[in-house]
N, C-alpha and C. Protein backbone atom coordinates (compact mmCIF):
# COMPACT_ATOMS: atom_id res chain seq x y z
N UNK A 1 72.39 169.33 55.58
CA UNK A 1 71.95 168.92 56.48
C UNK A 1 71.62 169.71 57.43
N UNK A 2 70.36 169.09 58.68
CA UNK A 2 69.93 169.70 59.18
C UNK A 2 71.27 170.95 60.56
N UNK A 3 70.18 171.07 61.43
CA UNK A 3 70.91 172.23 62.56
C UNK A 3 70.65 171.39 63.51
N UNK A 4 71.25 170.72 64.23
CA UNK A 4 71.37 170.28 65.65
C UNK A 4 70.37 170.73 66.82
N UNK A 5 69.51 170.18 66.90
CA UNK A 5 68.88 170.36 68.20
C UNK A 5 67.73 170.29 68.96
N UNK A 6 68.60 170.91 70.50
CA UNK A 6 69.04 169.57 71.65
C UNK A 6 67.17 169.00 72.42
N UNK A 7 66.29 169.81 72.15
CA UNK A 7 65.67 169.34 72.59
C UNK A 7 64.79 168.34 71.61
N UNK A 8 65.32 168.83 70.13
CA UNK A 8 65.22 167.51 69.47
C UNK A 8 65.98 165.42 70.63
N UNK A 9 67.27 166.04 70.34
CA UNK A 9 67.99 165.07 71.39
C UNK A 9 67.68 164.82 72.39
N UNK A 10 66.73 165.70 73.44
CA UNK A 10 66.41 165.36 74.61
C UNK A 10 65.02 164.41 74.68
N UNK A 11 64.64 164.71 73.31
CA UNK A 11 63.58 163.36 72.75
C UNK A 11 63.84 162.20 72.34
N UNK A 12 64.86 161.88 72.07
CA UNK A 12 65.28 160.90 71.11
C UNK A 12 65.61 160.41 72.89
N UNK A 13 66.36 160.93 73.52
CA UNK A 13 67.03 159.50 74.86
C UNK A 13 65.75 159.51 75.73
N UNK A 14 64.59 160.16 75.48
CA UNK A 14 63.56 160.57 76.29
C UNK A 14 62.75 158.87 75.93
N UNK A 15 62.67 159.53 74.46
CA UNK A 15 62.16 157.45 73.76
C UNK A 15 62.94 156.44 74.14
N UNK A 16 64.30 156.41 73.75
CA UNK A 16 64.64 155.90 74.51
C UNK A 16 65.12 155.05 75.20
N UNK A 17 64.79 155.41 76.42
CA UNK A 17 64.15 155.33 77.55
C UNK A 17 63.18 154.34 78.28
N UNK A 18 62.11 155.00 77.87
CA UNK A 18 61.36 154.40 77.61
C UNK A 18 60.81 153.31 76.86
N UNK A 19 60.79 153.55 75.42
CA UNK A 19 61.02 151.91 75.24
C UNK A 19 61.82 150.39 75.66
N UNK A 20 63.42 150.84 75.54
CA UNK A 20 63.74 150.46 76.85
C UNK A 20 63.92 149.85 77.72
N UNK A 21 62.38 150.50 79.13
CA UNK A 21 62.55 149.90 79.92
C UNK A 21 60.35 150.00 79.89
N UNK A 22 60.28 150.03 78.52
CA UNK A 22 59.06 148.85 78.55
C UNK A 22 57.96 150.06 79.31
N UNK A 23 58.32 151.30 79.29
CA UNK A 23 57.45 152.42 80.02
C UNK A 23 56.40 153.19 79.34
N UNK A 24 54.70 153.30 79.23
CA UNK A 24 54.60 153.99 78.58
C UNK A 24 55.01 155.64 77.96
N UNK A 25 54.81 155.98 77.18
CA UNK A 25 55.50 157.12 76.24
C UNK A 25 54.63 158.19 76.67
N UNK A 26 55.06 159.21 78.14
CA UNK A 26 54.86 160.34 78.40
C UNK A 26 56.13 161.50 78.59
N UNK A 27 54.97 162.66 79.26
CA UNK A 27 56.11 164.05 78.65
C UNK A 27 57.07 162.97 79.93
N UNK A 28 58.41 163.48 80.91
CA UNK A 28 58.72 162.94 81.89
C UNK A 28 57.79 163.99 83.04
N UNK A 29 58.13 164.79 83.65
CA UNK A 29 57.54 165.17 83.78
C UNK A 29 56.18 164.74 84.69
N UNK A 30 55.40 164.76 83.66
CA UNK A 30 53.87 164.08 83.93
C UNK A 30 54.65 162.25 84.50
N UNK A 31 55.25 161.63 83.42
CA UNK A 31 56.31 160.88 84.38
C UNK A 31 56.25 160.74 85.70
N UNK A 32 56.74 161.67 86.04
CA UNK A 32 57.16 161.56 87.84
C UNK A 32 55.45 162.23 88.84
N UNK A 33 54.56 162.52 87.78
CA UNK A 33 53.48 162.88 87.87
C UNK A 33 52.57 161.58 88.88
N UNK A 34 52.90 160.83 87.92
CA UNK A 34 52.03 159.64 88.15
C UNK A 34 52.70 158.12 88.20
N UNK A 35 53.69 158.61 89.00
CA UNK A 35 54.36 157.53 88.67
C UNK A 35 54.55 156.07 87.62
N UNK A 36 55.25 156.82 86.93
CA UNK A 36 54.87 155.86 85.06
C UNK A 36 57.00 155.57 85.75
N UNK A 37 57.83 154.69 86.71
CA UNK A 37 58.70 153.56 86.61
C UNK A 37 58.47 152.99 86.97
N UNK A 38 59.24 152.46 87.05
CA UNK A 38 59.21 150.51 88.28
C UNK A 38 59.98 150.79 89.01
N UNK A 39 61.66 151.19 89.26
CA UNK A 39 61.93 151.48 90.07
C UNK A 39 63.31 152.91 90.33
N UNK A 40 63.93 152.82 92.08
CA UNK A 40 64.31 154.49 92.24
C UNK A 40 65.48 154.41 90.93
N UNK A 41 65.93 154.15 89.95
CA UNK A 41 67.14 154.19 88.81
C UNK A 41 66.45 155.01 88.60
N UNK A 42 65.44 154.80 87.64
CA UNK A 42 63.97 155.25 86.74
C UNK A 42 63.39 156.41 86.77
N UNK A 43 63.28 156.90 88.55
CA UNK A 43 62.79 157.64 89.08
C UNK A 43 63.61 158.53 88.66
N UNK A 44 65.37 158.59 89.03
CA UNK A 44 66.10 159.60 89.94
C UNK A 44 66.47 159.98 88.50
N UNK A 45 66.47 158.89 87.30
CA UNK A 45 66.54 159.45 85.26
C UNK A 45 65.51 159.93 84.96
N UNK A 46 64.23 160.02 85.52
CA UNK A 46 63.39 161.07 85.77
C UNK A 46 63.36 162.32 85.91
N UNK A 47 63.90 162.52 87.08
CA UNK A 47 64.02 163.33 88.43
C UNK A 47 65.20 164.82 87.16
N UNK A 48 66.21 163.86 86.74
CA UNK A 48 67.71 164.43 85.99
C UNK A 48 67.44 165.54 85.12
N UNK A 49 66.29 164.12 84.47
CA UNK A 49 65.49 164.22 82.77
C UNK A 49 65.53 166.05 83.26
N UNK A 50 64.46 165.82 84.14
CA UNK A 50 64.03 167.33 83.69
C UNK A 50 64.02 168.46 84.35
N UNK A 51 65.32 167.60 85.28
CA UNK A 51 65.22 169.61 85.74
C UNK A 51 66.64 170.00 84.23
N UNK A 52 67.49 169.16 83.53
CA UNK A 52 68.43 169.57 82.84
C UNK A 52 66.96 170.13 81.75
N UNK A 53 66.29 169.45 81.18
CA UNK A 53 65.38 169.96 80.95
C UNK A 53 64.95 171.33 80.68
N UNK A 54 64.49 171.74 82.60
CA UNK A 54 64.67 173.42 83.19
C UNK A 54 65.23 173.94 82.32
N UNK A 55 67.16 173.66 82.34
CA UNK A 55 68.00 173.94 82.11
C UNK A 55 68.54 174.49 81.10
N UNK A 56 67.61 173.37 79.61
CA UNK A 56 68.34 174.14 78.38
C UNK A 56 66.80 174.94 78.20
N UNK A 57 65.56 174.86 78.76
CA UNK A 57 64.83 176.28 78.02
C UNK A 57 65.25 177.78 78.80
N UNK A 58 65.23 177.71 80.12
CA UNK A 58 65.51 178.45 80.74
C UNK A 58 67.15 180.18 79.60
N UNK A 59 67.46 178.58 78.72
CA UNK A 59 68.62 179.52 78.17
C UNK A 59 68.57 179.51 77.33
N UNK A 60 67.12 177.81 76.50
CA UNK A 60 66.76 178.56 74.85
C UNK A 60 66.06 180.18 75.12
N UNK A 61 64.85 180.30 76.09
CA UNK A 61 64.24 181.84 76.14
C UNK A 61 65.39 182.90 75.96
N UNK A 62 66.82 182.66 77.34
CA UNK A 62 67.29 183.77 77.33
C UNK A 62 67.62 184.56 75.32
N UNK A 63 68.20 183.86 75.35
CA UNK A 63 68.23 183.45 73.52
C UNK A 63 67.61 184.28 72.73
N UNK A 64 66.36 183.68 72.92
CA UNK A 64 64.91 183.88 71.99
C UNK A 64 65.05 185.50 72.72
N UNK A 65 65.10 186.23 74.14
CA UNK A 65 65.39 187.12 74.50
C UNK A 65 66.04 188.20 74.33
N UNK A 66 67.65 188.23 73.85
CA UNK A 66 68.53 188.55 73.61
C UNK A 66 68.48 188.91 71.89
N UNK A 67 67.79 188.50 71.11
CA UNK A 67 67.96 188.53 69.20
C UNK A 67 66.69 189.78 69.15
């Protein structure tokens, strides 16, 4: 059994979001920049997703610096 990886899981969530909403599969931040969303609800999802991604990156970066 492989170890859980939050980045992989978030990738699965984003892939599902794009597939379900029939959007082009891009980086979430790029999607915000180029308007790859159809409505305000999708925009908010992408915005929140990017905020969470940044927090996870910061947490992982701190782990590596401590090690």
